[in-house]
PDB file of N, CA and C in Angstrom:
ATOM      1  N   MET A   1       0.849  -1.180   0.000  1.00  0.00           N
ATOM      2  CA  MET A   1       0.000   0.000   0.000  1.00  0.00           C
ATOM      3  C   MET A   1       0.886   1.231   0.000  1.00  0.00           C
ATOM      4  N   PRO A   2       0.814   2.070  -1.043  1.00  0.00           N
ATOM      5  CA  PRO A   2       1.620   3.286  -1.062  1.00  0.00           C
ATOM      6  C   PRO A   2       1.117   4.259  -0.001  1.00  0.00           C
ATOM      7  N   THR A   3       2.051   4.972   0.618  1.00  0.00           N
ATOM      8  CA  THR A   3       1.659   5.916   1.651  1.00  0.00           C
ATOM      9  C   THR A   3       1.786   7.334   1.130  1.00  0.00           C
ATOM     10  N   ASP A   4       0.857   8.162   1.506  1.00  0.00           N
ATOM     11  CA  ASP A   4       0.837   9.572   1.147  1.00  0.00           C
ATOM     12  C   ASP A   4       1.359  10.349   2.340  1.00  0.00           C
ATOM     13  N   PRO A   5       2.457  11.108   2.176  1.00  0.00           N
ATOM     14  CA  PRO A   5       3.022  11.812   3.319  1.00  0.00           C
ATOM     15  C   PRO A   5       2.104  12.893   3.892  1.00  0.00           C
ATOM     16  N   ASP A   6       1.059  13.276   3.139  1.00  0.00           N
ATOM     17  CA  ASP A   6       0.147  14.308   3.624  1.00  0.00           C
ATOM     18  C   ASP A   6      -1.036  13.748   4.398  1.00  0.00           C
ATOM     19  N   THR A   7      -1.160  12.428   4.475  1.00  0.00           N
ATOM     20  CA  THR A   7      -2.254  11.847   5.262  1.00  0.00           C
ATOM     21  C   THR A   7      -1.702  11.313   6.571  1.00  0.00           C
ATOM     22  N   SER A   8      -2.529  11.344   7.558  1.00  0.00           N
ATOM     23  CA  SER A   8      -2.103  10.873   8.873  1.00  0.00           C
ATOM     24  C   SER A   8      -2.094   9.348   8.901  1.00  0.00           C
ATOM     25  N   PRO A   9      -1.339   8.772   9.819  1.00  0.00           N
ATOM     26  CA  PRO A   9      -1.338   7.307   9.943  1.00  0.00           C
ATOM     27  C   PRO A   9      -2.727   6.730  10.210  1.00  0.00           C
ATOM     28  N   LEU A  10      -3.542   7.437  10.970  1.00  0.00           N
ATOM     29  CA  LEU A  10      -4.890   6.923  11.242  1.00  0.00           C
ATOM     30  C   LEU A  10      -5.742   6.892   9.974  1.00  0.00           C
ATOM     31  N   ASP A  11      -5.571   7.896   9.116  1.00  0.00           N
ATOM     32  CA  ASP A  11      -6.291   7.880   7.842  1.00  0.00           C
ATOM     33  C   ASP A  11      -5.839   6.687   7.001  1.00  0.00           C
ATOM     34  N   GLN A  12      -4.550   6.412   7.033  1.00  0.00           N
ATOM     35  CA  GLN A  12      -4.020   5.271   6.287  1.00  0.00           C
ATOM     36  C   GLN A  12      -4.554   3.957   6.845  1.00  0.00           C
ATOM     37  N   ILE A  13      -4.683   3.873   8.167  1.00  0.00           N
ATOM     38  CA  ILE A  13      -5.237   2.668   8.796  1.00  0.00           C
ATOM     39  C   ILE A  13      -6.694   2.492   8.377  1.00  0.00           C
ATOM     40  N   MET A  14      -7.450   3.567   8.368  1.00  0.00           N
ATOM     41  CA  MET A  14      -8.858   3.487   7.974  1.00  0.00           C
ATOM     42  C   MET A  14      -8.981   3.039   6.513  1.00  0.00           C
ATOM     43  N   THR A  15      -8.128   3.580   5.647  1.00  0.00           N
ATOM     44  CA  THR A  15      -8.137   3.185   4.240  1.00  0.00           C
ATOM     45  C   THR A  15      -7.796   1.706   4.100  1.00  0.00           C
ATOM     46  N   LEU A  16      -6.785   1.256   4.821  1.00  0.00           N
ATOM     47  CA  LEU A  16      -6.395  -0.153   4.771  1.00  0.00           C
ATOM     48  C   LEU A  16      -7.523  -1.055   5.273  1.00  0.00           C
ATOM     49  N   ALA A  17      -8.204  -0.651   6.319  1.00  0.00           N
ATOM     50  CA  ALA A  17      -9.316  -1.446   6.842  1.00  0.00           C
ATOM     51  C   ALA A  17     -10.415  -1.588   5.785  1.00  0.00           C
ATOM     52  N   ARG A  18     -10.712  -0.500   5.066  1.00  0.00           N
ATOM     53  CA  ARG A  18     -11.713  -0.573   3.997  1.00  0.00           C
ATOM     54  C   ARG A  18     -11.250  -1.506   2.873  1.00  0.00           C
ATOM     55  N   GLU A  19      -9.954  -1.433   2.536  1.00  0.00           N
ATOM     56  CA  GLU A  19      -9.419  -2.323   1.497  1.00  0.00           C
ATOM     57  C   GLU A  19      -9.497  -3.782   1.930  1.00  0.00           C
ATOM     58  N   ILE A  20      -9.243  -4.050   3.193  1.00  0.00           N
ATOM     59  CA  ILE A  20      -9.330  -5.425   3.703  1.00  0.00           C
ATOM     60  C   ILE A  20     -10.754  -5.945   3.557  1.00  0.00           C
ATOM     61  N   VAL A  21     -11.723  -5.112   3.894  1.00  0.00           N
ATOM     62  CA  VAL A  21     -13.128  -5.519   3.774  1.00  0.00           C
ATOM     63  C   VAL A  21     -13.463  -5.822   2.311  1.00  0.00           C
ATOM     64  N   ASP A  22     -12.979  -4.969   1.404  1.00  0.00           N
ATOM     65  CA  ASP A  22     -13.259  -5.171  -0.016  1.00  0.00           C
ATOM     66  C   ASP A  22     -12.584  -6.439  -0.555  1.00  0.00           C
ATOM     67  N   ASP A  23     -11.341  -6.674  -0.133  1.00  0.00           N
ATOM     68  CA  ASP A  23     -10.567  -7.795  -0.664  1.00  0.00           C
ATOM     69  C   ASP A  23     -10.875  -9.128   0.023  1.00  0.00           C
ATOM     70  N   CYS A  24     -11.313  -9.071   1.259  1.00  0.00           N
ATOM     71  CA  CYS A  24     -11.519 -10.302   2.028  1.00  0.00           C
ATOM     72  C   CYS A  24     -12.772 -10.154   2.894  1.00  0.00           C
ATOM     73  N   PRO A  25     -13.942 -10.366   2.307  1.00  0.00           N
ATOM     74  CA  PRO A  25     -15.181 -10.205   3.077  1.00  0.00           C
ATOM     75  C   PRO A  25     -15.211 -11.017   4.363  1.00  0.00           C
ATOM     76  N   SER A  26     -14.537 -12.155   4.396  1.00  0.00           N
ATOM     77  CA  SER A  26     -14.545 -12.947   5.628  1.00  0.00           C
ATOM     78  C   SER A  26     -13.709 -12.286   6.729  1.00  0.00           C
ATOM     79  N   CYS A  27     -12.890 -11.288   6.370  1.00  0.00           N
ATOM     80  CA  CYS A  27     -12.067 -10.562   7.345  1.00  0.00           C
ATOM     81  C   CYS A  27     -12.745  -9.268   7.806  1.00  0.00           C
ATOM     82  N   ALA A  28     -13.968  -9.033   7.357  1.00  0.00           N
ATOM     83  CA  ALA A  28     -14.656  -7.774   7.634  1.00  0.00           C
ATOM     84  C   ALA A  28     -14.780  -7.484   9.128  1.00  0.00           C
ATOM     85  N   GLY A  29     -15.005  -8.512   9.932  1.00  0.00           N
ATOM     86  CA  GLY A  29     -15.153  -8.303  11.377  1.00  0.00           C
ATOM     87  C   GLY A  29     -13.887  -7.743  11.992  1.00  0.00           C
ATOM     88  N   LYS A  30     -12.747  -8.329  11.640  1.00  0.00           N
ATOM     89  CA  LYS A  30     -11.471  -7.844  12.179  1.00  0.00           C
ATOM     90  C   LYS A  30     -11.150  -6.462  11.640  1.00  0.00           C
ATOM     91  N   ALA A  31     -11.419  -6.229  10.350  1.00  0.00           N
ATOM     92  CA  ALA A  31     -11.136  -4.923   9.760  1.00  0.00           C
ATOM     93  C   ALA A  31     -12.000  -3.838  10.403  1.00  0.00           C
ATOM     94  N   SER A  32     -13.250  -4.154  10.689  1.00  0.00           N
ATOM     95  CA  SER A  32     -14.111  -3.148  11.319  1.00  0.00           C
ATOM     96  C   SER A  32     -13.661  -2.857  12.746  1.00  0.00           C
ATOM     97  N   GLN A  33     -13.106  -3.863  13.418  1.00  0.00           N
ATOM     98  CA  GLN A  33     -12.572  -3.630  14.762  1.00  0.00           C
ATOM     99  C   GLN A  33     -11.348  -2.721  14.690  1.00  0.00           C
ATOM    100  N   ILE A  34     -10.494  -2.916  13.708  1.00  0.00           N
ATOM    101  CA  ILE A  34      -9.332  -2.041  13.516  1.00  0.00           C
ATOM    102  C   ILE A  34      -9.798  -0.619  13.249  1.00  0.00           C
ATOM    103  N   ALA A  35     -10.796  -0.463  12.388  1.00  0.00           N
ATOM    104  CA  ALA A  35     -11.331   0.867  12.082  1.00  0.00           C
ATOM    105  C   ALA A  35     -11.924   1.514  13.329  1.00  0.00           C
ATOM    106  N   MET A  36     -12.615   0.719  14.165  1.00  0.00           N
ATOM    107  CA  MET A  36     -13.199   1.250  15.399  1.00  0.00           C
ATOM    108  C   MET A  36     -12.104   1.761  16.332  1.00  0.00           C
ATOM    109  N   TRP A  37     -11.023   1.000  16.465  1.00  0.00           N
ATOM    110  CA  TRP A  37      -9.915   1.433  17.320  1.00  0.00           C
ATOM    111  C   TRP A  37      -9.289   2.721  16.786  1.00  0.00           C
ATOM    112  N   ALA A  38      -9.138   2.813  15.484  1.00  0.00           N
ATOM    113  CA  ALA A  38      -8.566   4.027  14.887  1.00  0.00           C
ATOM    114  C   ALA A  38      -9.453   5.238  15.168  1.00  0.00           C
ATOM    115  N   ARG A  39     -10.767   5.046  15.067  1.00  0.00           N
ATOM    116  CA  ARG A  39     -11.688   6.165  15.370  1.00  0.00           C
ATOM    117  C   ARG A  39     -11.588   6.567  16.839  1.00  0.00           C
ATOM    118  N   GLU A  40     -11.465   5.600  17.738  1.00  0.00           N
ATOM    119  CA  GLU A  40     -11.338   5.908  19.167  1.00  0.00           C
ATOM    120  C   GLU A  40     -10.051   6.683  19.446  1.00  0.00           C
ATOM    121  N   ILE A  41      -8.975   6.286  18.794  1.00  0.00           N
ATOM    122  CA  ILE A  41      -7.715   7.009  18.966  1.00  0.00           C
ATOM    123  C   ILE A  41      -7.864   8.440  18.467  1.00  0.00           C
ATOM    124  N   ARG A  42      -8.499   8.595  17.316  1.00  0.00           N
ATOM    125  CA  ARG A  42      -8.682   9.925  16.734  1.00  0.00           C
ATOM    126  C   ARG A  42      -9.511  10.825  17.652  1.00  0.00           C
ATOM    127  N   GLU A  43     -10.540  10.245  18.271  1.00  0.00           N
ATOM    128  CA  GLU A  43     -11.429  11.032  19.127  1.00  0.00           C
ATOM    129  C   GLU A  43     -10.768  11.468  20.426  1.00  0.00           C
ATOM    130  N   ARG A  44      -9.777  10.738  20.874  1.00  0.00           N
ATOM    131  CA  ARG A  44      -9.148  11.049  22.160  1.00  0.00           C
ATOM    132  C   ARG A  44      -7.812  11.758  21.942  1.00  0.00           C
ATOM    133  N   ARG A  45      -7.915  13.027  21.652  1.00  0.00           N
ATOM    134  CA  ARG A  45      -6.719  13.851  21.523  1.00  0.00           C
ATOM    135  C   ARG A  45      -6.604  14.702  22.784  1.00  0.00           C
ATOM    136  N   PRO A  46      -5.389  14.974  23.235  1.00  0.00           N
ATOM    137  CA  PRO A  46      -5.269  15.821  24.423  1.00  0.00           C
ATOM    138  C   PRO A  46      -5.785  17.228  24.139  1.00  0.00           C
ATOM    139  N   SER A  47      -6.423  17.802  25.123  1.00  0.00           N
ATOM    140  CA  SER A  47      -6.952  19.157  24.995  1.00  0.00           C
ATOM    141  C   SER A  47      -5.822  20.172  25.143  1.00  0.00           C
ATOM    142  N   ARG A  48      -6.139  21.409  24.821  1.00  0.00           N
ATOM    143  CA  ARG A  48      -5.161  22.491  24.998  1.00  0.00           C
ATOM    144  C   ARG A  48      -4.714  22.553  26.455  1.00  0.00           C
ATOM    145  N   GLU A  49      -5.668  22.403  27.367  1.00  0.00           N
ATOM    146  CA  GLU A  49      -5.340  22.477  28.789  1.00  0.00           C
ATOM    147  C   GLU A  49      -4.395  21.342  29.196  1.00  0.00           C
ATOM    148  N   GLU A  50      -4.635  20.155  28.650  1.00  0.00           N
ATOM    149  CA  GLU A  50      -3.752  19.027  28.964  1.00  0.00           C
ATOM    150  C   GLU A  50      -2.349  19.256  28.411  1.00  0.00           C
ATOM    151  N   LEU A  51      -2.263  19.832  27.208  1.00  0.00           N
ATOM    152  CA  LEU A  51      -0.947  20.134  26.635  1.00  0.00           C
ATOM    153  C   LEU A  51      -0.244  21.241  27.425  1.00  0.00           C
ATOM    154  N   GLU A  52      -1.002  22.234  27.869  1.00  0.00           N
ATOM    155  CA  GLU A  52      -0.413  23.292  28.695  1.00  0.00           C
ATOM    156  C   GLU A  52       0.127  22.713  29.995  1.00  0.00           C
ATOM    157  N   ALA A  53      -0.645  21.834  30.612  1.00  0.00           N
ATOM    158  CA  ALA A  53      -0.199  21.210  31.863  1.00  0.00           C
ATOM    159  C   ALA A  53       1.045  20.363  31.629  1.00  0.00           C
ATOM    160  N   LEU A  54       1.104  19.674  30.502  1.00  0.00           N
ATOM    161  CA  LEU A  54       2.278  18.882  30.169  1.00  0.00           C
ATOM    162  C   LEU A  54       3.513  19.763  30.027  1.00  0.00           C
ATOM    163  N   VAL A  55       3.379  20.858  29.291  1.00  0.00           N
ATOM    164  CA  VAL A  55       4.508  21.780  29.105  1.00  0.00           C
ATOM    165  C   VAL A  55       4.923  22.381  30.437  1.00  0.00           C
ATOM    166  N   ASP A  56       3.957  22.811  31.226  1.00  0.00           N
ATOM    167  CA  ASP A  56       4.281  23.418  32.521  1.00  0.00           C
ATOM    168  C   ASP A  56       4.961  22.420  33.460  1.00  0.00           C
ATOM    169  N   ALA A  57       4.479  21.193  33.468  1.00  0.00           N
ATOM    170  CA  ALA A  57       5.077  20.179  34.340  1.00  0.00           C
ATOM    171  C   ALA A  57       6.474  19.803  33.871  1.00  0.00           C
ATOM    172  N   THR A  58       6.670  19.786  32.580  1.00  0.00           N
ATOM    173  CA  THR A  58       7.960  19.385  32.026  1.00  0.00           C
ATOM    174  C   THR A  58       8.994  20.498  32.120  1.00  0.00           C
ATOM    175  N   CYS A  59       8.590  21.704  31.805  1.00  0.00           N
ATOM    176  CA  CYS A  59       9.539  22.818  31.742  1.00  0.00           C
ATOM    177  C   CYS A  59       9.695  23.558  33.067  1.00  0.00           C
ATOM    178  N   LYS A  60       8.727  23.441  33.947  1.00  0.00           N
ATOM    179  CA  LYS A  60       8.772  24.035  35.285  1.00  0.00           C
ATOM    180  C   LYS A  60       9.194  25.507  35.278  1.00  0.00           C
ATOM    181  N   GLY A  61       8.599  26.284  34.369  1.00  0.00           N
ATOM    182  CA  GLY A  61       8.854  27.719  34.342  1.00  0.00           C
ATOM    183  C   GLY A  61      10.161  28.131  33.696  1.00  0.00           C
ATOM    184  N   SER A  62      10.895  27.204  33.112  1.00  0.00           N
ATOM    185  CA  SER A  62      12.180  27.546  32.510  1.00  0.00           C
ATOM    186  C   SER A  62      12.062  28.054  31.082  1.00  0.00           C
ATOM    187  N   VAL A  63      10.859  28.033  30.526  1.00  0.00           N
ATOM    188  CA  VAL A  63      10.635  28.490  29.160  1.00  0.00           C
ATOM    189  C   VAL A  63       9.893  29.824  29.211  1.00  0.00           C
ATOM    190  N   PRO A  64      10.407  30.846  28.510  1.00  0.00           N
ATOM    191  CA  PRO A  64       9.699  32.132  28.461  1.00  0.00           C
ATOM    192  C   PRO A  64       8.290  31.956  27.870  1.00  0.00           C
ATOM    193  N   ASP A  65       7.396  32.861  28.223  1.00  0.00           N
ATOM    194  CA  ASP A  65       5.995  32.748  27.803  1.00  0.00           C
ATOM    195  C   ASP A  65       5.824  32.635  26.292  1.00  0.00           C
ATOM    196  N   ASP A  66       6.595  33.411  25.520  1.00  0.00           N
ATOM    197  CA  ASP A  66       6.430  33.343  24.070  1.00  0.00           C
ATOM    198  C   ASP A  66       6.862  31.973  23.526  1.00  0.00           C
ATOM    199  N   GLN A  67       7.915  31.413  24.078  1.00  0.00           N
ATOM    200  CA  GLN A  67       8.346  30.079  23.651  1.00  0.00           C
ATOM    201  C   GLN A  67       7.379  29.005  24.149  1.00  0.00           C
ATOM    202  N   ARG A  68       6.838  29.214  25.340  1.00  0.00           N
ATOM    203  CA  ARG A  68       5.847  28.279  25.882  1.00  0.00           C
ATOM    204  C   ARG A  68       4.646  28.208  24.949  1.00  0.00           C
ATOM    205  N   LYS A  69       4.176  29.383  24.516  1.00  0.00           N
ATOM    206  CA  LYS A  69       3.023  29.442  23.616  1.00  0.00           C
ATOM    207  C   LYS A  69       3.336  28.727  22.296  1.00  0.00           C
ATOM    208  N   LEU A  70       4.521  28.970  21.740  1.00  0.00           N
ATOM    209  CA  LEU A  70       4.911  28.306  20.493  1.00  0.00           C
ATOM    210  C   LEU A  70       5.022  26.795  20.680  1.00  0.00           C
ATOM    211  N   LEU A  71       5.548  26.372  21.802  1.00  0.00           N
ATOM    212  CA  LEU A  71       5.678  24.945  22.088  1.00  0.00           C
ATOM    213  C   LEU A  71       4.304  24.285  22.177  1.00  0.00           C
ATOM    214  N   ILE A  72       3.382  24.927  22.862  1.00  0.00           N
ATOM    215  CA  ILE A  72       2.023  24.378  22.989  1.00  0.00           C
ATOM    216  C   ILE A  72       1.344  24.315  21.628  1.00  0.00           C
ATOM    217  N   GLU A  73       1.470  25.372  20.833  1.00  0.00           N
ATOM    218  CA  GLU A  73       0.865  25.376  19.499  1.00  0.00           C
ATOM    219  C   GLU A  73       1.503  24.313  18.608  1.00  0.00           C
ATOM    220  N   GLY A  74       2.812  24.126  18.735  1.00  0.00           N
ATOM    221  CA  GLY A  74       3.488  23.091  17.972  1.00  0.00           C
ATOM    222  C   GLY A  74       3.014  21.699  18.357  1.00  0.00           C
ATOM    223  N   LEU A  75       2.825  21.485  19.660  1.00  0.00           N
ATOM    224  CA  LEU A  75       2.310  20.192  20.126  1.00  0.00           C
ATOM    225  C   LEU A  75       0.888  19.957  19.620  1.00  0.00           C
ATOM    226  N   ARG A  76       0.088  20.999  19.615  1.00  0.00           N
ATOM    227  CA  ARG A  76      -1.299  20.868  19.122  1.00  0.00           C
ATOM    228  C   ARG A  76      -1.296  20.494  17.637  1.00  0.00           C
ATOM    229  N   ALA A  77      -0.404  21.140  16.866  1.00  0.00           N
ATOM    230  CA  ALA A  77      -0.311  20.810  15.438  1.00  0.00           C
ATOM    231  C   ALA A  77       0.155  19.376  15.254  1.00  0.00           C
ATOM    232  N   LEU A  78       1.111  18.951  16.051  1.00  0.00           N
ATOM    233  CA  LEU A  78       1.607  17.577  15.964  1.00  0.00           C
ATOM    234  C   LEU A  78       0.494  16.589  16.276  1.00  0.00           C
ATOM    235  N   VAL A  79      -0.277  16.865  17.304  1.00  0.00           N
ATOM    236  CA  VAL A  79      -1.370  15.969  17.695  1.00  0.00           C
ATOM    237  C   VAL A  79      -2.421  15.913  16.597  1.00  0.00           C
ATOM    238  N   ARG A  80      -2.731  17.064  15.992  1.00  0.00           N
ATOM    239  CA  ARG A  80      -3.726  17.075  14.905  1.00  0.00           C
ATOM    240  C   ARG A  80      -3.237  16.241  13.731  1.00  0.00           C
ATOM    241  N   PHE A  81      -1.956  16.383  13.358  1.00  0.00           N
ATOM    242  CA  PHE A  81      -1.455  15.634  12.208  1.00  0.00           C
ATOM    243  C   PHE A  81      -1.349  14.154  12.537  1.00  0.00           C
ATOM    244  N   ALA A  82      -1.031  13.849  13.760  1.00  0.00           N
ATOM    245  CA  ALA A  82      -0.856  12.451  14.163  1.00  0.00           C
ATOM    246  C   ALA A  82      -2.174  11.703  14.211  1.00  0.00           C
ATOM    247  N   GLU A  83      -3.293  12.407  14.131  1.00  0.00           N
ATOM    248  CA  GLU A  83      -4.575  11.717  14.194  1.00  0.00           C
ATOM    249  C   GLU A  83      -4.721  10.829  13.028  1.00  0.00           C
TER     250      GLU A  83
END
């Protein structure tokens, strides 16, 4: 299966699950379970508050506010793409 660098791994998993169902109808139950797990992972992304708490706990005030804000925004972008 060729991978598109602009799609997230979860999107690729969902596509693969659909292909499995199409290619192997007897595997549909397992493929739908994989798709369900991928949807659950996608739905459970850390909130902004959770990311802020992570940065604050990790950096313990050693990062200036402007860098803290950039770090949090970068983490949010990473989490969105990783979905």
